[in-house]
Amino acid sequence: VTAVNLDPASGAVYVGYGQAGIWKSSDGGGSWRAIPVGDLPGVPDTAFVNNIVADLFAADTAYVALDNHKFGDFRPLLLKTSDRGARWTSMAGDLPDRHLVWRLVQDHVKAELFFAATEFGIFFTVDGGDRWVELEGGVPTISFRDLAIQTRENDLVGATFGRSFYVLDDYTPLRLVS
């Protein structure tokens, strides 16, 4: 299992299982429906599920980050469903080519603000994924493999593949970007 997420409000459970795809339960794990990665638009059946998260604001919405780098495909594969996994659309927007996505986190205040940990840095979007902006200011061009938001202080924490971590202290001004 590579990613698990629970949306307690709706009883939805999403499980990413490597190349086996996504398993979705709408009843808290009582029954399951498989979503093969090859059934997702633009995603090859060899892709690996890196991260899956339920939306913090909309019960029927979830996001999945996948990668196919073991087959020489470094495209950012980042998808969204708004109907509990029935249909998926890309939210990779203008993320640069060869920037596969490892993690996605959503701001706990502004629903359209997301951060993506990619192979070459951290990006953010204020419009739900149409336009992405690279975080700069001392952040190295390196593989960030994990992200977390510390909600009390509004800090973004990014962990690199090189065993380092960076903290964007109080990112609340990004909520005002349009």
Protein backbone atom coordinates (compact mmCIF):
# COMPACT_ATOMS: atom_id res chain seq x y z
CA VAL A 1 0.00 0.00 0.00
CA THR A 2 1.52 3.28 -1.08
CA ALA A 3 -1.17 5.73 0.00
CA VAL A 4 -4.25 5.63 2.19
CA ASN A 5 -6.70 8.40 2.87
CA LEU A 6 -9.96 8.55 4.76
CA ASP A 7 -12.62 11.19 4.45
CA PRO A 8 -14.49 10.74 7.74
CA ALA A 9 -17.34 13.05 6.71
CA SER A 10 -18.42 10.85 3.81
CA GLY A 11 -17.12 7.43 4.83
CA ALA A 12 -14.97 7.37 1.69
CA VAL A 13 -11.70 5.49 1.87
CA TYR A 14 -9.10 5.68 -0.91
CA VAL A 15 -6.20 3.26 -1.07
CA GLY A 16 -3.42 3.53 -3.63
CA TYR A 17 -1.72 0.23 -4.16
CA GLY A 18 1.35 0.70 -6.33
CA GLN A 19 0.70 -0.42 -9.89
CA ALA A 20 -2.40 -2.32 -8.80
CA GLY A 21 -4.30 0.95 -8.90
CA ILE A 22 -6.75 2.62 -6.58
CA TRP A 23 -9.28 0.95 -4.36
CA LYS A 24 -12.27 3.03 -3.32
CA SER A 25 -14.84 2.40 -0.61
CA SER A 26 -17.84 4.64 -0.06
CA ASP A 27 -19.01 2.88 3.09
CA GLY A 28 -15.99 3.04 5.39
CA GLY A 29 -14.40 -0.13 4.03
CA GLY A 30 -17.44 -2.40 3.88
CA SER A 31 -17.20 -2.85 0.12
CA TRP A 32 -14.54 -1.89 -2.40
CA ARG A 33 -14.32 -0.89 -6.06
CA ALA A 34 -11.06 -1.15 -8.03
CA ILE A 35 -9.92 1.67 -10.29
CA PRO A 36 -6.99 0.40 -12.43
CA VAL A 37 -4.41 3.12 -13.10
CA GLY A 38 -4.63 2.40 -16.83
CA ASP A 39 -8.30 3.43 -16.72
CA LEU A 40 -7.34 6.95 -15.62
CA PRO A 41 -7.13 9.48 -18.49
CA GLY A 42 -3.61 9.82 -19.87
CA VAL A 43 -2.15 7.37 -17.37
CA PRO A 44 -0.35 4.24 -18.58
CA ASP A 45 -1.17 0.96 -16.87
CA THR A 46 2.44 0.77 -15.63
CA ALA A 47 2.11 3.93 -13.48
CA PHE A 48 2.58 3.79 -9.73
CA VAL A 49 0.29 5.49 -7.19
CA ASN A 50 2.44 7.86 -5.13
CA ASN A 51 -0.21 9.73 -3.18
CA ILE A 52 -3.96 9.91 -2.84
CA VAL A 53 -5.83 12.44 -0.72
CA ALA A 54 -9.43 13.32 -0.02
CA ASP A 55 -10.42 16.95 -0.46
CA LEU A 56 -10.70 18.84 2.83
CA PHE A 57 -13.81 20.74 1.69
CA ALA A 58 -15.78 18.57 -0.75
CA ALA A 59 -16.83 15.06 0.31
CA ASP A 60 -16.95 13.61 -3.23
CA THR A 61 -13.56 14.94 -4.30
CA ALA A 62 -10.13 13.29 -4.18
CA TYR A 63 -6.72 13.73 -5.80
CA VAL A 64 -4.10 11.23 -6.93
CA ALA A 65 -0.43 11.67 -7.86
CA LEU A 66 1.12 8.93 -9.98
CA ASP A 67 4.43 8.35 -11.68
CA ASN A 68 5.75 6.17 -14.45
CA HIS A 69 9.47 6.97 -14.14
CA LYS A 70 10.52 3.31 -14.14
CA PHE A 71 9.45 3.29 -17.79
CA GLY A 72 11.19 6.55 -18.74
CA ASP A 73 8.00 8.64 -18.40
CA PHE A 74 8.56 11.61 -16.10
CA ARG A 75 5.35 13.52 -16.88
CA PRO A 76 3.50 15.07 -13.93
CA LEU A 77 0.50 12.77 -13.51
CA LEU A 78 -1.85 14.54 -11.13
CA LEU A 79 -5.59 13.89 -11.30
CA LYS A 80 -8.79 14.95 -9.58
CA THR A 81 -12.21 13.35 -9.20
CA SER A 82 -15.28 15.26 -8.06
CA ASP A 83 -17.67 12.31 -8.21
CA ARG A 84 -16.11 9.70 -5.93
CA GLY A 85 -13.83 8.24 -8.58
CA ALA A 86 -16.28 7.81 -11.46
CA ARG A 87 -14.47 10.38 -13.67
CA TRP A 88 -10.98 11.83 -13.36
CA THR A 89 -9.43 14.95 -14.91
CA SER A 90 -5.87 16.23 -14.94
CA MET A 91 -4.91 19.02 -12.58
CA ALA A 92 -1.27 19.07 -13.68
CA GLY A 93 -1.95 22.34 -15.51
CA ASP A 94 1.34 23.93 -16.51
CA LEU A 95 3.61 21.88 -14.25
CA PRO A 96 6.86 21.49 -16.18
CA ASP A 97 7.50 18.35 -18.16
CA ARG A 98 9.70 15.79 -16.37
CA HIS A 99 8.47 17.00 -12.95
CA LEU A 100 6.78 13.86 -11.69
CA VAL A 101 4.67 14.50 -8.58
CA TRP A 102 5.37 12.66 -5.34
CA ARG A 103 2.93 14.36 -2.94
CA LEU A 104 0.04 16.79 -2.93
CA VAL A 105 -1.35 18.71 0.04
CA GLN A 106 -4.30 21.06 0.24
CA ASP A 107 -4.46 24.21 2.34
CA HIS A 108 -6.87 23.91 5.25
CA VAL A 109 -8.31 27.43 4.71
CA LYS A 110 -8.33 28.15 0.96
CA ALA A 111 -9.73 25.18 -0.98
CA GLU A 112 -7.98 26.09 -4.27
CA LEU A 113 -4.49 26.37 -2.72
CA PHE A 114 -2.39 23.22 -3.19
CA PHE A 115 1.29 22.38 -2.85
CA ALA A 116 2.98 19.69 -4.94
CA ALA A 117 6.24 17.96 -4.10
CA THR A 118 7.91 17.14 -7.41
CA GLU A 119 11.12 15.59 -8.66
CA PHE A 120 12.68 19.06 -8.99
CA GLY A 121 11.17 21.22 -6.25
CA ILE A 122 7.94 22.39 -4.66
CA PHE A 123 5.17 24.12 -6.58
CA PHE A 124 1.94 25.77 -5.49
CA THR A 125 -1.32 26.67 -7.21
CA VAL A 126 -4.01 29.08 -6.05
CA ASP A 127 -6.55 28.05 -8.69
CA GLY A 128 -6.90 24.33 -8.12
CA GLY A 129 -4.21 23.27 -10.58
CA ASP A 130 -4.52 25.36 -13.73
CA ARG A 131 -1.40 27.45 -13.04
CA TRP A 132 1.51 26.24 -10.91
CA VAL A 133 4.30 28.41 -9.48
CA GLU A 134 7.64 27.09 -8.25
CA LEU A 135 8.58 28.02 -4.69
CA GLU A 136 11.92 29.76 -4.66
CA GLY A 137 13.93 31.61 -2.04
CA GLY A 138 16.55 29.04 -1.15
CA VAL A 139 14.61 25.88 -1.96
CA PRO A 140 16.97 23.62 -3.91
CA THR A 141 16.17 22.00 -7.23
CA ILE A 142 15.93 18.56 -5.70
CA SER A 143 13.44 15.75 -5.33
CA PHE A 144 10.93 16.54 -2.60
CA ARG A 145 9.26 13.29 -1.59
CA ASP A 146 6.88 14.43 1.14
CA LEU A 147 4.92 17.49 2.22
CA ALA A 148 2.92 18.30 5.31
CA ILE A 149 1.09 21.36 6.57
CA GLN A 150 1.36 22.30 10.22
CA THR A 151 -2.07 23.90 10.54
CA ARG A 152 -1.62 25.79 13.80
CA GLU A 153 1.28 27.86 12.45
CA ASN A 154 0.38 27.62 8.73
CA ASP A 155 3.81 26.18 7.97
CA LEU A 156 4.59 23.99 4.97
CA VAL A 157 7.19 21.29 5.63
CA GLY A 158 8.92 19.58 2.71
CA ALA A 159 11.16 16.52 2.99
CA THR A 160 13.73 15.79 0.29
CA PHE A 161 15.01 12.52 -1.07
CA GLY A 162 18.40 13.65 0.25
CA ARG A 163 17.19 13.37 3.86
CA SER A 164 16.76 17.09 4.47
CA PHE A 165 13.68 19.10 5.21
CA TYR A 166 12.64 22.67 4.65
CA VAL A 167 10.00 24.76 6.38
CA LEU A 168 8.09 27.56 4.68
CA ASP A 169 7.24 29.54 7.77
CA ASP A 170 3.67 30.91 7.78
CA TYR A 171 2.64 30.69 4.14
CA THR A 172 -0.66 32.60 4.75
CA PRO A 173 0.31 35.36 2.24
CA LEU A 174 -0.05 32.75 -0.53
CA ARG A 175 -3.79 32.67 0.23
CA LEU A 176 -3.98 36.24 -1.07
CA VAL A 177 -2.29 35.50 -4.40
CA SER A 178 -4.67 35.57 -7.36
